[in-house]
PDB file of N, CA and C in Angstrom:
ATOM      1  N   MET A   1     250.665  40.795  33.495  1.00  0.00           N
ATOM      2  CA  MET A   1     251.513  39.879  34.177  1.00  0.00           C
ATOM      3  C   MET A   1     251.708  40.228  35.646  1.00  0.00           C
ATOM      4  N   PHE A   2     251.797  41.541  35.917  1.00  0.00           N
ATOM      5  CA  PHE A   2     252.012  41.940  37.259  1.00  0.00           C
ATOM      6  C   PHE A   2     250.713  42.007  38.105  1.00  0.00           C
ATOM      7  N   ILE A   3     249.581  42.049  37.379  1.00  0.00           N
ATOM      8  CA  ILE A   3     248.303  42.168  38.087  1.00  0.00           C
ATOM      9  C   ILE A   3     247.616  40.811  38.030  1.00  0.00           C
ATOM     10  N   SER A   4     247.269  40.341  39.197  1.00  0.00           N
ATOM     11  CA  SER A   4     246.585  39.062  39.219  1.00  0.00           C
ATOM     12  C   SER A   4     245.090  39.302  38.901  1.00  0.00           C
ATOM     13  N   GLN A   5     244.463  38.308  38.341  1.00  0.00           N
ATOM     14  CA  GLN A   5     243.104  38.408  37.953  1.00  0.00           C
ATOM     15  C   GLN A   5     242.215  38.313  39.204  1.00  0.00           C
ATOM     16  N   ALA A   6     241.197  39.199  39.239  1.00  0.00           N
ATOM     17  CA  ALA A   6     240.268  39.190  40.336  1.00  0.00           C
ATOM     18  C   ALA A   6     238.883  38.741  39.790  1.00  0.00           C
ATOM     19  N   TRP A   7     238.336  37.821  40.452  1.00  0.00           N
ATOM     20  CA  TRP A   7     237.036  37.303  40.019  1.00  0.00           C
ATOM     21  C   TRP A   7     235.968  37.858  40.970  1.00  0.00           C
ATOM     22  N   ALA A   8     234.966  38.467  40.358  1.00  0.00           N
ATOM     23  CA  ALA A   8     233.874  39.115  41.186  1.00  0.00           C
ATOM     24  C   ALA A   8     232.984  37.997  41.688  1.00  0.00           C
ATOM     25  N   GLN A   9     232.597  38.184  42.911  1.00  0.00           N
ATOM     26  CA  GLN A   9     231.643  37.209  43.521  1.00  0.00           C
ATOM     27  C   GLN A   9     230.322  37.960  43.828  1.00  0.00           C
ATOM     28  N   SER A  10     229.254  37.247  43.773  1.00  0.00           N
ATOM     29  CA  SER A  10     227.929  37.839  43.982  1.00  0.00           C
ATOM     30  C   SER A  10     227.675  38.118  45.428  1.00  0.00           C
ATOM     31  N   GLY A  11     228.396  37.572  46.345  1.00  0.00           N
ATOM     32  CA  GLY A  11     228.216  37.823  47.756  1.00  0.00           C
ATOM     33  C   GLY A  11     226.969  37.163  48.283  1.00  0.00           C
ATOM     34  N   GLY A  12     226.435  36.211  47.613  1.00  0.00           N
ATOM     35  CA  GLY A  12     225.294  35.504  48.111  1.00  0.00           C
ATOM     36  C   GLY A  12     223.910  36.109  47.794  1.00  0.00           C
ATOM     37  N   GLN A  13     223.914  37.345  47.207  1.00  0.00           N
ATOM     38  CA  GLN A  13     222.657  37.964  46.877  1.00  0.00           C
ATOM     39  C   GLN A  13     222.441  37.842  45.344  1.00  0.00           C
ATOM     40  N   PRO A  14     221.225  37.445  44.958  1.00  0.00           N
ATOM     41  CA  PRO A  14     220.969  37.344  43.471  1.00  0.00           C
ATOM     42  C   PRO A  14     220.910  38.703  42.839  1.00  0.00           C
ATOM     43  N   GLN A  15     221.439  38.808  41.637  1.00  0.00           N
ATOM     44  CA  GLN A  15     221.449  40.052  40.881  1.00  0.00           C
ATOM     45  C   GLN A  15     220.041  40.320  40.269  1.00  0.00           C
ATOM     46  N   GLY A  16     219.679  41.629  40.248  1.00  0.00           N
ATOM     47  CA  GLY A  16     218.412  42.051  39.687  1.00  0.00           C
ATOM     48  C   GLY A  16     218.319  41.705  38.226  1.00  0.00           C
ATOM     49  N   GLY A  17     217.266  41.129  37.817  1.00  0.00           N
ATOM     50  CA  GLY A  17     217.157  40.650  36.421  1.00  0.00           C
ATOM     51  C   GLY A  17     216.233  41.600  35.638  1.00  0.00           C
ATOM     52  N   GLY A  18     215.600  41.066  34.620  1.00  0.00           N
ATOM     53  CA  GLY A  18     214.792  41.817  33.735  1.00  0.00           C
ATOM     54  C   GLY A  18     213.446  42.223  34.306  1.00  0.00           C
ATOM     55  N   VAL A  19     213.011  41.530  35.359  1.00  0.00           N
ATOM     56  CA  VAL A  19     211.676  41.822  35.942  1.00  0.00           C
ATOM     57  C   VAL A  19     211.653  43.212  36.554  1.00  0.00           C
ATOM     58  N   GLU A  20     212.675  43.588  37.316  1.00  0.00           N
ATOM     59  CA  GLU A  20     212.643  44.891  37.971  1.00  0.00           C
ATOM     60  C   GLU A  20     212.793  46.012  36.879  1.00  0.00           C
ATOM     61  N   SER A  21     213.668  45.849  35.933  1.00  0.00           N
ATOM     62  CA  SER A  21     213.805  46.877  34.919  1.00  0.00           C
ATOM     63  C   SER A  21     212.557  46.982  34.052  1.00  0.00           C
ATOM     64  N   MET A  22     211.884  45.867  33.812  1.00  0.00           N
ATOM     65  CA  MET A  22     210.628  45.933  33.027  1.00  0.00           C
ATOM     66  C   MET A  22     209.529  46.612  33.818  1.00  0.00           C
ATOM     67  N   LEU A  23     209.482  46.319  35.106  1.00  0.00           N
ATOM     68  CA  LEU A  23     208.509  46.946  35.956  1.00  0.00           C
ATOM     69  C   LEU A  23     208.749  48.460  36.069  1.00  0.00           C
ATOM     70  N   LEU A  24     209.996  48.877  36.073  1.00  0.00           N
ATOM     71  CA  LEU A  24     210.363  50.302  36.093  1.00  0.00           C
ATOM     72  C   LEU A  24     209.871  51.003  34.784  1.00  0.00           C
ATOM     73  N   ILE A  25     210.076  50.403  33.652  1.00  0.00           N
ATOM     74  CA  ILE A  25     209.664  50.963  32.401  1.00  0.00           C
ATOM     75  C   ILE A  25     208.161  51.091  32.349  1.00  0.00           C
ATOM     76  N   VAL A  26     207.454  50.079  32.794  1.00  0.00           N
ATOM     77  CA  VAL A  26     205.978  50.132  32.770  1.00  0.00           C
ATOM     78  C   VAL A  26     205.515  51.208  33.719  1.00  0.00           C
ATOM     79  N   LEU A  27     206.127  51.347  34.908  1.00  0.00           N
ATOM     80  CA  LEU A  27     205.743  52.385  35.819  1.00  0.00           C
ATOM     81  C   LEU A  27     205.995  53.788  35.242  1.00  0.00           C
ATOM     82  N   MET A  28     207.092  53.961  34.577  1.00  0.00           N
ATOM     83  CA  MET A  28     207.391  55.277  33.955  1.00  0.00           C
ATOM     84  C   MET A  28     206.394  55.611  32.849  1.00  0.00           C
ATOM     85  N   PHE A  29     206.021  54.619  32.033  1.00  0.00           N
ATOM     86  CA  PHE A  29     205.044  54.842  31.005  1.00  0.00           C
ATOM     87  C   PHE A  29     203.690  55.200  31.620  1.00  0.00           C
ATOM     88  N   GLY A  30     203.308  54.532  32.678  1.00  0.00           N
ATOM     89  CA  GLY A  30     202.039  54.849  33.377  1.00  0.00           C
ATOM     90  C   GLY A  30     202.011  56.253  33.892  1.00  0.00           C
ATOM     91  N   VAL A  31     203.071  56.729  34.501  1.00  0.00           N
ATOM     92  CA  VAL A  31     203.156  58.122  34.997  1.00  0.00           C
ATOM     93  C   VAL A  31     203.103  59.076  33.832  1.00  0.00           C
ATOM     94  N   LEU A  32     203.813  58.791  32.756  1.00  0.00           N
ATOM     95  CA  LEU A  32     203.824  59.677  31.560  1.00  0.00           C
ATOM     96  C   LEU A  32     202.371  59.737  31.009  1.00  0.00           C
ATOM     97  N   TYR A  33     201.697  58.626  30.931  1.00  0.00           N
ATOM     98  CA  TYR A  33     200.323  58.612  30.411  1.00  0.00           C
ATOM     99  C   TYR A  33     199.419  59.480  31.192  1.00  0.00           C
ATOM    100  N   PHE A  34     199.397  59.307  32.559  1.00  0.00           N
ATOM    101  CA  PHE A  34     198.446  60.027  33.390  1.00  0.00           C
ATOM    102  C   PHE A  34     198.784  61.527  33.562  1.00  0.00           C
ATOM    103  N   LEU A  35     200.072  61.875  33.434  1.00  0.00           N
ATOM    104  CA  LEU A  35     200.469  63.245  33.629  1.00  0.00           C
ATOM    105  C   LEU A  35     200.508  64.094  32.306  1.00  0.00           C
ATOM    106  N   MET A  36     200.715  63.421  31.180  1.00  0.00           N
ATOM    107  CA  MET A  36     200.880  64.203  29.954  1.00  0.00           C
ATOM    108  C   MET A  36     199.896  63.798  28.860  1.00  0.00           C
ATOM    109  N   ILE A  37     199.826  62.582  28.558  1.00  0.00           N
ATOM    110  CA  ILE A  37     199.030  62.130  27.351  1.00  0.00           C
ATOM    111  C   ILE A  37     197.529  62.299  27.610  1.00  0.00           C
ATOM    112  N   ARG A  38     197.029  61.793  28.713  1.00  0.00           N
ATOM    113  CA  ARG A  38     195.614  61.799  29.025  1.00  0.00           C
ATOM    114  C   ARG A  38     195.036  63.220  29.109  1.00  0.00           C
ATOM    115  N   PRO A  39     195.677  64.180  29.852  1.00  0.00           N
ATOM    116  CA  PRO A  39     195.130  65.546  29.830  1.00  0.00           C
ATOM    117  C   PRO A  39     195.129  66.208  28.482  1.00  0.00           C
ATOM    118  N   GLN A  40     196.169  65.930  27.667  1.00  0.00           N
ATOM    119  CA  GLN A  40     196.210  66.519  26.339  1.00  0.00           C
ATOM    120  C   GLN A  40     195.109  65.991  25.444  1.00  0.00           C
ATOM    121  N   MET A  41     194.802  64.710  25.561  1.00  0.00           N
ATOM    122  CA  MET A  41     193.701  64.137  24.822  1.00  0.00           C
ATOM    123  C   MET A  41     192.374  64.697  25.268  1.00  0.00           C
ATOM    124  N   LYS A  42     192.244  64.926  26.565  1.00  0.00           N
ATOM    125  CA  LYS A  42     190.967  65.518  27.100  1.00  0.00           C
ATOM    126  C   LYS A  42     190.814  66.946  26.527  1.00  0.00           C
ATOM    127  N   ARG A  43     191.867  67.749  26.525  1.00  0.00           N
ATOM    128  CA  ARG A  43     191.755  69.100  26.003  1.00  0.00           C
ATOM    129  C   ARG A  43     191.430  69.100  24.530  1.00  0.00           C
ATOM    130  N   ALA A  44     192.023  68.181  23.806  1.00  0.00           N
ATOM    131  CA  ALA A  44     191.730  68.107  22.326  1.00  0.00           C
ATOM    132  C   ALA A  44     190.281  67.711  22.078  1.00  0.00           C
ATOM    133  N   LYS A  45     189.762  66.860  22.888  1.00  0.00           N
ATOM    134  CA  LYS A  45     188.343  66.420  22.742  1.00  0.00           C
ATOM    135  C   LYS A  45     187.424  67.603  23.055  1.00  0.00           C
ATOM    136  N   GLU A  46     187.740  68.377  24.148  1.00  0.00           N
ATOM    137  CA  GLU A  46     186.898  69.515  24.460  1.00  0.00           C
ATOM    138  C   GLU A  46     186.936  70.592  23.387  1.00  0.00           C
ATOM    139  N   HIS A  47     188.119  70.820  22.788  1.00  0.00           N
ATOM    140  CA  HIS A  47     188.273  71.816  21.755  1.00  0.00           C
ATOM    141  C   HIS A  47     187.474  71.367  20.518  1.00  0.00           C
ATOM    142  N   LYS A  48     187.534  70.117  20.166  1.00  0.00           N
ATOM    143  CA  LYS A  48     186.793  69.629  19.026  1.00  0.00           C
ATOM    144  C   LYS A  48     185.307  69.805  19.243  1.00  0.00           C
ATOM    145  N   ALA A  49     184.808  69.511  20.445  1.00  0.00           N
ATOM    146  CA  ALA A  49     183.373  69.669  20.731  1.00  0.00           C
ATOM    147  C   ALA A  49     182.982  71.155  20.639  1.00  0.00           C
ATOM    148  N   MET A  50     183.853  72.060  21.112  1.00  0.00           N
ATOM    149  CA  MET A  50     183.553  73.473  21.050  1.00  0.00           C
ATOM    150  C   MET A  50     183.470  73.970  19.596  1.00  0.00           C
ATOM    151  N   ILE A  51     184.399  73.489  18.746  1.00  0.00           N
ATOM    152  CA  ILE A  51     184.418  73.840  17.342  1.00  0.00           C
ATOM    153  C   ILE A  51     183.163  73.370  16.633  1.00  0.00           C
ATOM    154  N   GLU A  52     182.769  72.146  16.930  1.00  0.00           N
ATOM    155  CA  GLU A  52     181.559  71.617  16.282  1.00  0.00           C
ATOM    156  C   GLU A  52     180.299  72.296  16.744  1.00  0.00           C
ATOM    157  N   ALA A  53     180.284  72.904  17.958  1.00  0.00           N
ATOM    158  CA  ALA A  53     179.120  73.549  18.477  1.00  0.00           C
ATOM    159  C   ALA A  53     178.963  75.007  18.112  1.00  0.00           C
ATOM    160  N   LEU A  54     179.916  75.536  17.322  1.00  0.00           N
ATOM    161  CA  LEU A  54     179.853  76.987  16.906  1.00  0.00           C
ATOM    162  C   LEU A  54     178.558  77.258  16.140  1.00  0.00           C
ATOM    163  N   GLN A  55     177.992  78.436  16.423  1.00  0.00           N
ATOM    164  CA  GLN A  55     176.798  78.856  15.788  1.00  0.00           C
ATOM    165  C   GLN A  55     176.986  80.292  15.268  1.00  0.00           C
ATOM    166  N   LYS A  56     176.111  80.693  14.352  1.00  0.00           N
ATOM    167  CA  LYS A  56     176.120  82.058  13.894  1.00  0.00           C
ATOM    168  C   LYS A  56     175.716  82.953  15.043  1.00  0.00           C
ATOM    169  N   GLY A  57     176.521  84.041  15.224  1.00  0.00           N
ATOM    170  CA  GLY A  57     176.222  84.971  16.306  1.00  0.00           C
ATOM    171  C   GLY A  57     177.088  84.761  17.525  1.00  0.00           C
ATOM    172  N   ASP A  58     177.836  83.649  17.622  1.00  0.00           N
ATOM    173  CA  ASP A  58     178.717  83.414  18.746  1.00  0.00           C
ATOM    174  C   ASP A  58     179.898  84.410  18.715  1.00  0.00           C
ATOM    175  N   GLU A  59     180.314  84.837  19.852  1.00  0.00           N
ATOM    176  CA  GLU A  59     181.437  85.757  19.979  1.00  0.00           C
ATOM    177  C   GLU A  59     182.675  84.898  20.368  1.00  0.00           C
ATOM    178  N   VAL A  60     183.744  85.064  19.621  1.00  0.00           N
ATOM    179  CA  VAL A  60     184.896  84.143  19.756  1.00  0.00           C
ATOM    180  C   VAL A  60     186.181  84.955  19.766  1.00  0.00           C
ATOM    181  N   ILE A  61     187.254  84.274  20.241  1.00  0.00           N
ATOM    182  CA  ILE A  61     188.598  84.762  20.127  1.00  0.00           C
ATOM    183  C   ILE A  61     189.373  83.734  19.313  1.00  0.00           C
ATOM    184  N   SER A  62     190.143  84.217  18.341  1.00  0.00           N
ATOM    185  CA  SER A  62     190.940  83.264  17.550  1.00  0.00           C
ATOM    186  C   SER A  62     192.292  83.021  18.191  1.00  0.00           C
ATOM    187  N   GLY A  63     193.035  82.103  17.615  1.00  0.00           N
ATOM    188  CA  GLY A  63     194.385  81.789  18.140  1.00  0.00           C
ATOM    189  C   GLY A  63     195.337  82.986  18.068  1.00  0.00           C
ATOM    190  N   GLY A  64     195.105  83.892  17.118  1.00  0.00           N
ATOM    191  CA  GLY A  64     195.923  85.117  17.014  1.00  0.00           C
ATOM    192  C   GLY A  64     195.438  86.236  17.846  1.00  0.00           C
ATOM    193  N   GLY A  65     194.393  86.048  18.626  1.00  0.00           N
ATOM    194  CA  GLY A  65     193.919  87.076  19.495  1.00  0.00           C
ATOM    195  C   GLY A  65     192.857  87.995  18.861  1.00  0.00           C
ATOM    196  N   ILE A  66     192.283  87.607  17.719  1.00  0.00           N
ATOM    197  CA  ILE A  66     191.308  88.421  17.071  1.00  0.00           C
ATOM    198  C   ILE A  66     189.911  88.144  17.687  1.00  0.00           C
ATOM    199  N   LEU A  67     189.231  89.210  18.103  1.00  0.00           N
ATOM    200  CA  LEU A  67     187.866  89.067  18.618  1.00  0.00           C
ATOM    201  C   LEU A  67     186.899  89.330  17.541  1.00  0.00           C
ATOM    202  N   GLY A  68     185.857  88.580  17.476  1.00  0.00           N
ATOM    203  CA  GLY A  68     184.844  88.756  16.447  1.00  0.00           C
ATOM    204  C   GLY A  68     183.627  87.963  16.718  1.00  0.00           C
ATOM    205  N   ARG A  69     182.588  88.275  15.919  1.00  0.00           N
ATOM    206  CA  ARG A  69     181.324  87.537  15.989  1.00  0.00           C
ATOM    207  C   ARG A  69     181.162  86.688  14.731  1.00  0.00           C
ATOM    208  N   VAL A  70     180.769  85.480  14.918  1.00  0.00           N
ATOM    209  CA  VAL A  70     180.613  84.527  13.773  1.00  0.00           C
ATOM    210  C   VAL A  70     179.431  85.016  12.901  1.00  0.00           C
ATOM    211  N   SER A  71     179.788  85.296  11.648  1.00  0.00           N
ATOM    212  CA  SER A  71     178.686  85.719  10.722  1.00  0.00           C
ATOM    213  C   SER A  71     178.327  84.636   9.730  1.00  0.00           C
ATOM    214  N   LYS A  72     179.286  83.789   9.378  1.00  0.00           N
ATOM    215  CA  LYS A  72     178.992  82.664   8.433  1.00  0.00           C
ATOM    216  C   LYS A  72     179.797  81.471   8.913  1.00  0.00           C
ATOM    217  N   LEU A  73     179.173  80.307   8.670  1.00  0.00           N
ATOM    218  CA  LEU A  73     179.838  79.031   9.020  1.00  0.00           C
ATOM    219  C   LEU A  73     179.948  78.149   7.802  1.00  0.00           C
ATOM    220  N   ASN A  74     181.023  77.473   7.657  1.00  0.00           N
ATOM    221  CA  ASN A  74     181.279  76.526   6.621  1.00  0.00           C
ATOM    222  C   ASN A  74     181.756  75.267   7.267  1.00  0.00           C
ATOM    223  N   GLU A  75     181.936  74.188   6.517  1.00  0.00           N
ATOM    224  CA  GLU A  75     182.400  72.952   7.105  1.00  0.00           C
ATOM    225  C   GLU A  75     183.809  73.118   7.675  1.00  0.00           C
ATOM    226  N   ASN A  76     184.674  73.864   7.013  1.00  0.00           N
ATOM    227  CA  ASN A  76     186.047  73.986   7.444  1.00  0.00           C
ATOM    228  C   ASN A  76     186.418  75.438   7.867  1.00  0.00           C
ATOM    229  N   TYR A  77     185.572  76.435   7.515  1.00  0.00           N
ATOM    230  CA  TYR A  77     185.929  77.804   7.730  1.00  0.00           C
ATOM    231  C   TYR A  77     184.845  78.560   8.456  1.00  0.00           C
ATOM    232  N   VAL A  78     185.242  79.606   9.195  1.00  0.00           N
ATOM    233  CA  VAL A  78     184.342  80.509   9.921  1.00  0.00           C
ATOM    234  C   VAL A  78     184.620  81.898   9.442  1.00  0.00           C
ATOM    235  N   THR A  79     183.591  82.680   9.179  1.00  0.00           N
ATOM    236  CA  THR A  79     183.731  84.104   8.837  1.00  0.00           C
ATOM    237  C   THR A  79     183.373  84.875  10.073  1.00  0.00           C
ATOM    238  N   LEU A  80     184.349  85.754  10.479  1.00  0.00           N
ATOM    239  CA  LEU A  80     184.147  86.551  11.682  1.00  0.00           C
ATOM    240  C   LEU A  80     183.907  88.025  11.280  1.00  0.00           C
ATOM    241  N   GLU A  81     182.978  88.691  11.928  1.00  0.00           N
ATOM    242  CA  GLU A  81     182.798  90.073  11.723  1.00  0.00           C
ATOM    243  C   GLU A  81     183.625  90.735  12.845  1.00  0.00           C
ATOM    244  N   VAL A  82     184.703  91.371  12.504  1.00  0.00           N
ATOM    245  CA  VAL A  82     185.611  91.997  13.521  1.00  0.00           C
ATOM    246  C   VAL A  82     185.273  93.471  13.748  1.00  0.00           C
ATOM    247  N   ALA A  83     184.639  94.121  12.810  1.00  0.00           N
ATOM    248  CA  ALA A  83     184.152  95.473  12.926  1.00  0.00           C
ATOM    249  C   ALA A  83     182.979  95.574  11.968  1.00  0.00           C
ATOM    250  N   GLN A  84     182.208  96.662  12.078  1.00  0.00           N
ATOM    251  CA  GLN A  84     181.053  96.763  11.198  1.00  0.00           C
ATOM    252  C   GLN A  84     181.481  96.872   9.764  1.00  0.00           C
ATOM    253  N   GLY A  85     181.088  95.887   8.961  1.00  0.00           N
ATOM    254  CA  GLY A  85     181.425  95.789   7.565  1.00  0.00           C
ATOM    255  C   GLY A  85     182.798  95.187   7.283  1.00  0.00           C
ATOM    256  N   VAL A  86     183.515  94.743   8.308  1.00  0.00           N
ATOM    257  CA  VAL A  86     184.803  94.129   8.129  1.00  0.00           C
ATOM    258  C   VAL A  86     184.706  92.653   8.552  1.00  0.00           C
ATOM    259  N   GLU A  87     184.944  91.759   7.560  1.00  0.00           N
ATOM    260  CA  GLU A  87     184.842  90.349   7.868  1.00  0.00           C
ATOM    261  C   GLU A  87     186.144  89.638   7.541  1.00  0.00           C
ATOM    262  N   MET A  88     186.477  88.630   8.297  1.00  0.00           N
ATOM    263  CA  MET A  88     187.683  87.795   8.064  1.00  0.00           C
ATOM    264  C   MET A  88     187.250  86.353   8.071  1.00  0.00           C
ATOM    265  N   THR A  89     187.886  85.589   7.205  1.00  0.00           N
ATOM    266  CA  THR A  89     187.674  84.127   7.119  1.00  0.00           C
ATOM    267  C   THR A  89     188.838  83.428   7.742  1.00  0.00           C
ATOM    268  N   LEU A  90     188.496  82.548   8.697  1.00  0.00           N
ATOM    269  CA  LEU A  90     189.468  81.748   9.452  1.00  0.00           C
ATOM    270  C   LEU A  90     189.136  80.298   9.401  1.00  0.00           C
ATOM    271  N   GLN A  91     190.125  79.445   9.602  1.00  0.00           N
ATOM    272  CA  GLN A  91     189.802  78.020   9.763  1.00  0.00           C
ATOM    273  C   GLN A  91     189.104  77.840  11.099  1.00  0.00           C
ATOM    274  N   ARG A  92     188.255  76.814  11.162  1.00  0.00           N
ATOM    275  CA  ARG A  92     187.529  76.526  12.420  1.00  0.00           C
ATOM    276  C   ARG A  92     188.519  76.199  13.553  1.00  0.00           C
ATOM    277  N   SER A  93     189.581  75.523  13.226  1.00  0.00           N
ATOM    278  CA  SER A  93     190.546  75.106  14.259  1.00  0.00           C
ATOM    279  C   SER A  93     191.275  76.319  14.858  1.00  0.00           C
ATOM    280  N   ALA A  94     191.210  77.470  14.241  1.00  0.00           N
ATOM    281  CA  ALA A  94     191.843  78.665  14.742  1.00  0.00           C
ATOM    282  C   ALA A  94     191.079  79.311  15.905  1.00  0.00           C
ATOM    283  N   ILE A  95     189.838  78.930  16.098  1.00  0.00           N
ATOM    284  CA  ILE A  95     189.021  79.474  17.189  1.00  0.00           C
ATOM    285  C   ILE A  95     189.465  78.830  18.479  1.00  0.00           C
ATOM    286  N   GLN A  96     189.794  79.652  19.457  1.00  0.00           N
ATOM    287  CA  GLN A  96     190.333  79.164  20.718  1.00  0.00           C
ATOM    288  C   GLN A  96     189.268  79.238  21.846  1.00  0.00           C
ATOM    289  N   VAL A  97     188.520  80.303  21.901  1.00  0.00           N
ATOM    290  CA  VAL A  97     187.611  80.509  23.028  1.00  0.00           C
ATOM    291  C   VAL A  97     186.296  81.051  22.482  1.00  0.00           C
ATOM    292  N   VAL A  98     185.220  80.562  23.031  1.00  0.00           N
ATOM    293  CA  VAL A  98     183.883  81.065  22.759  1.00  0.00           C
ATOM    294  C   VAL A  98     183.501  81.934  23.965  1.00  0.00           C
ATOM    295  N   LEU A  99     183.237  83.204  23.702  1.00  0.00           N
ATOM    296  CA  LEU A  99     182.895  84.137  24.814  1.00  0.00           C
ATOM    297  C   LEU A  99     181.440  84.144  25.113  1.00  0.00           C
ATOM    298  N   PRO A 100     181.057  84.600  26.292  1.00  0.00           N
ATOM    299  CA  PRO A 100     179.639  84.741  26.624  1.00  0.00           C
ATOM    300  C   PRO A 100     178.984  85.809  25.740  1.00  0.00           C
ATOM    301  N   LYS A 101     177.704  85.634  25.465  1.00  0.00           N
ATOM    302  CA  LYS A 101     177.007  86.640  24.598  1.00  0.00           C
ATOM    303  C   LYS A 101     177.069  88.033  25.285  1.00  0.00           C
ATOM    304  N   GLY A 102     177.234  89.047  24.426  1.00  0.00           N
ATOM    305  CA  GLY A 102     177.279  90.397  24.899  1.00  0.00           C
ATOM    306  C   GLY A 102     178.625  90.899  25.364  1.00  0.00           C
ATOM    307  N   THR A 103     179.683  90.069  25.200  1.00  0.00           N
ATOM    308  CA  THR A 103     181.014  90.486  25.615  1.00  0.00           C
ATOM    309  C   THR A 103     181.536  91.547  24.685  1.00  0.00           C
ATOM    310  N   ILE A 104     181.348  91.373  23.414  1.00  0.00           N
ATOM    311  CA  ILE A 104     181.813  92.326  22.403  1.00  0.00           C
ATOM    312  C   ILE A 104     180.622  93.292  22.123  1.00  0.00           C
ATOM    313  N   LYS A 105     180.791  94.560  22.437  1.00  0.00           N
ATOM    314  CA  LYS A 105     179.725  95.526  22.265  1.00  0.00           C
ATOM    315  C   LYS A 105     179.964  96.496  21.109  1.00  0.00           C
ATOM    316  N   ASN A 106     181.229  96.584  20.599  1.00  0.00           N
ATOM    317  CA  ASN A 106     181.515  97.544  19.557  1.00  0.00           C
ATOM    318  C   ASN A 106     181.025  97.109  18.195  1.00  0.00           C
ATOM    319  N   ILE A 107     180.825  95.838  17.969  1.00  0.00           N
ATOM    320  CA  ILE A 107     180.357  95.376  16.672  1.00  0.00           C
ATOM    321  C   ILE A 107     178.826  95.401  16.658  1.00  0.00           C
ATOM    322  N   ALA A 108     178.271  96.192  15.807  1.00  0.00           N
ATOM    323  CA  ALA A 108     176.824  96.333  15.781  1.00  0.00           C
ATOM    324  C   ALA A 108     176.348  95.298  14.815  1.00  0.00           C
TER     325      ALA A 108
END
C-alpha cells in the first residue's frame, strides 16, 4: 500500500532472445569438443593401433610399470617375460608403451 508499483521499461533496446544463448551453447560445445573430446579420441585410437600391432619379442611397459618382453600373444592377453624363467600374463589393454628393441638387456 505504501509502495507504488514500478513498471520496468525496455528503454528502446530489444532484449536478447534465444538466438544469443543458443549460439553461446553451441560455441561452448565446439570449444569442449576441440580441446577435450577430439584429443582423447585420437589417443585412444593410437593406443588401440599399438595394442593390435604387438608382436612376440616386443619390449613393453605395462600400466603398473612392469617392464618385460612379449613371449606369447593371445586375442585378449599378453604373456610377458619379466626375468629369465618368470612370466606374467596381462590383458592387452594394460600395455602402455612399446619400447625400442634392445632397451631391456637383463632378460636373456
